[in-house]
Amino acid sequence: MTTAANHYRDAGFEFHNAYEARERGHQEQAAFRMRMSEWHQRQARLRIDALRLLAESDTSYAGILRTEQDALARLLADEHSGLPD
């Protein structure tokens, strides 16, 4: 092979390797976003449960806590609706 052909071939390999690395990066980012979404959902569920227990034990805060609990439940539902099934 000539030098020009070698350079052309090497450039093709470099492009292919860069493209594959970019695709792996996109897949890793998507997986990270999914894990973060799952983490946020778990945190919201834990807060909802904690608020429910607090509202049951202290009726003076029940109305305020129910409002926050409803807001968290809506946030959780909105976040879940954006995830692929």
C-alpha atoms as a PDB file:
ATOM      1  CA  MET A   1       0.000   0.000   0.000  1.00  0.00           C
ATOM      2  CA  THR A   2       1.106   3.494  -0.637  1.00  0.00           C
ATOM      3  CA  THR A   3       1.650   6.017   2.110  1.00  0.00           C
ATOM      4  CA  ALA A   4      -1.498   7.905   1.079  1.00  0.00           C
ATOM      5  CA  ALA A   5      -3.542   4.707   1.235  1.00  0.00           C
ATOM      6  CA  ASN A   6      -2.132   3.954   4.685  1.00  0.00           C
ATOM      7  CA  HIS A   7      -3.073   7.430   5.913  1.00  0.00           C
ATOM      8  CA  TYR A   8      -6.549   7.064   4.415  1.00  0.00           C
ATOM      9  CA  ARG A   9      -7.004   3.662   6.083  1.00  0.00           C
ATOM     10  CA  ASP A  10      -5.691   4.946   9.428  1.00  0.00           C
ATOM     11  CA  ALA A  11      -8.006   7.948   9.271  1.00  0.00           C
ATOM     12  CA  GLY A  12     -10.917   5.590   8.663  1.00  0.00           C
ATOM     13  CA  PHE A  13      -9.965   3.498  11.694  1.00  0.00           C
ATOM     14  CA  GLU A  14      -9.590   6.618  13.835  1.00  0.00           C
ATOM     15  CA  PHE A  15     -13.001   7.874  12.725  1.00  0.00           C
ATOM     16  CA  HIS A  16     -14.582   4.483  13.411  1.00  0.00           C
ATOM     17  CA  ASN A  17     -12.971   4.269  16.867  1.00  0.00           C
ATOM     18  CA  ALA A  18     -14.047   7.821  17.716  1.00  0.00           C
ATOM     19  CA  TYR A  19     -17.594   7.066  16.562  1.00  0.00           C
ATOM     20  CA  GLU A  20     -17.751   3.917  18.702  1.00  0.00           C
ATOM     21  CA  ALA A  21     -16.391   5.811  21.717  1.00  0.00           C
ATOM     22  CA  ARG A  22     -19.011   8.513  21.202  1.00  0.00           C
ATOM     23  CA  GLU A  23     -21.779   5.904  21.028  1.00  0.00           C
ATOM     24  CA  ARG A  24     -20.489   4.224  24.201  1.00  0.00           C
ATOM     25  CA  GLY A  25     -20.472   7.639  25.860  1.00  0.00           C
ATOM     26  CA  HIS A  26     -24.092   8.221  24.858  1.00  0.00           C
ATOM     27  CA  GLN A  27     -25.088   4.814  26.206  1.00  0.00           C
ATOM     28  CA  GLU A  28     -23.249   5.462  29.466  1.00  0.00           C
ATOM     29  CA  GLN A  29     -24.933   8.867  29.817  1.00  0.00           C
ATOM     30  CA  ALA A  30     -28.356   7.338  29.199  1.00  0.00           C
ATOM     31  CA  ALA A  31     -27.679   4.627  31.787  1.00  0.00           C
ATOM     32  CA  PHE A  32     -26.515   7.268  34.279  1.00  0.00           C
ATOM     33  CA  ARG A  33     -29.644   9.360  33.687  1.00  0.00           C
ATOM     34  CA  MET A  34     -31.791   6.261  34.215  1.00  0.00           C
ATOM     35  CA  ARG A  35     -29.995   5.422  37.478  1.00  0.00           C
ATOM     36  CA  MET A  36     -30.386   9.014  38.696  1.00  0.00           C
ATOM     37  CA  SER A  37     -34.071   8.966  37.814  1.00  0.00           C
ATOM     38  CA  GLU A  38     -34.508   5.709  39.727  1.00  0.00           C
ATOM     39  CA  TRP A  39     -32.614   7.202  42.669  1.00  0.00           C
ATOM     40  CA  HIS A  40     -34.851  10.294  42.656  1.00  0.00           C
ATOM     41  CA  GLN A  41     -37.932   8.082  42.535  1.00  0.00           C
ATOM     42  CA  ARG A  42     -36.714   6.070  45.528  1.00  0.00           C
ATOM     43  CA  GLN A  43     -35.953   9.285  47.423  1.00  0.00           C
ATOM     44  CA  ALA A  44     -39.410  10.670  46.647  1.00  0.00           C
ATOM     45  CA  ARG A  45     -41.050   7.427  47.800  1.00  0.00           C
ATOM     46  CA  LEU A  46     -39.063   7.500  51.041  1.00  0.00           C
ATOM     47  CA  ARG A  47     -40.069  11.117  51.654  1.00  0.00           C
ATOM     48  CA  ILE A  48     -43.704  10.323  50.909  1.00  0.00           C
ATOM     49  CA  ASP A  49     -43.590   7.447  53.403  1.00  0.00           C
ATOM     50  CA  ALA A  50     -41.868   9.604  56.019  1.00  0.00           C
ATOM     51  CA  LEU A  51     -44.398  12.397  55.532  1.00  0.00           C
ATOM     52  CA  ARG A  52     -47.256   9.928  55.796  1.00  0.00           C
ATOM     53  CA  LEU A  53     -45.905   8.598  59.095  1.00  0.00           C
ATOM     54  CA  LEU A  54     -45.355  12.112  60.424  1.00  0.00           C
ATOM     55  CA  ALA A  55     -48.843  13.214  59.401  1.00  0.00           C
ATOM     56  CA  GLU A  56     -50.338  10.185  61.135  1.00  0.00           C
ATOM     57  CA  SER A  57     -48.429  10.860  64.351  1.00  0.00           C
ATOM     58  CA  ASP A  58     -48.866  14.659  64.553  1.00  0.00           C
ATOM     59  CA  THR A  59     -52.227  15.946  63.353  1.00  0.00           C
ATOM     60  CA  SER A  60     -51.223  19.628  63.679  1.00  0.00           C
ATOM     61  CA  TYR A  61     -48.905  19.241  60.672  1.00  0.00           C
ATOM     62  CA  ALA A  62     -51.156  16.886  58.742  1.00  0.00           C
ATOM     63  CA  GLY A  63     -52.494  19.486  56.256  1.00  0.00           C
ATOM     64  CA  ILE A  64     -49.078  20.962  55.469  1.00  0.00           C
ATOM     65  CA  LEU A  65     -47.492  17.549  55.136  1.00  0.00           C
ATOM     66  CA  ARG A  66     -50.291  16.237  52.922  1.00  0.00           C
ATOM     67  CA  THR A  67     -49.731  19.179  50.554  1.00  0.00           C
ATOM     68  CA  GLU A  68     -46.010  18.418  50.321  1.00  0.00           C
ATOM     69  CA  GLN A  69     -46.739  14.706  50.000  1.00  0.00           C
ATOM     70  CA  ASP A  70     -49.144  15.385  47.116  1.00  0.00           C
ATOM     71  CA  ALA A  71     -46.538  17.579  45.407  1.00  0.00           C
ATOM     72  CA  LEU A  72     -43.913  14.846  45.726  1.00  0.00           C
ATOM     73  CA  ALA A  73     -46.328  12.235  44.411  1.00  0.00           C
ATOM     74  CA  ARG A  74     -47.075  14.426  41.372  1.00  0.00           C
ATOM     75  CA  LEU A  75     -43.350  14.969  40.805  1.00  0.00           C
ATOM     76  CA  LEU A  76     -42.759  11.238  40.990  1.00  0.00           C
ATOM     77  CA  ALA A  77     -45.591  10.560  38.538  1.00  0.00           C
ATOM     78  CA  ASP A  78     -44.309  13.231  36.126  1.00  0.00           C
ATOM     79  CA  GLU A  79     -40.773  11.874  36.267  1.00  0.00           C
ATOM     80  CA  HIS A  80     -41.963   8.306  35.772  1.00  0.00           C
ATOM     81  CA  SER A  81     -44.130   9.245  32.791  1.00  0.00           C
ATOM     82  CA  GLY A  82     -41.033  10.474  30.931  1.00  0.00           C
ATOM     83  CA  LEU A  83     -39.189   7.171  31.279  1.00  0.00           C
ATOM     84  CA  PRO A  84     -39.259   4.509  28.598  1.00  0.00           C
ATOM     85  CA  ASP A  85     -41.166   1.373  29.581  1.00  0.00           C
END
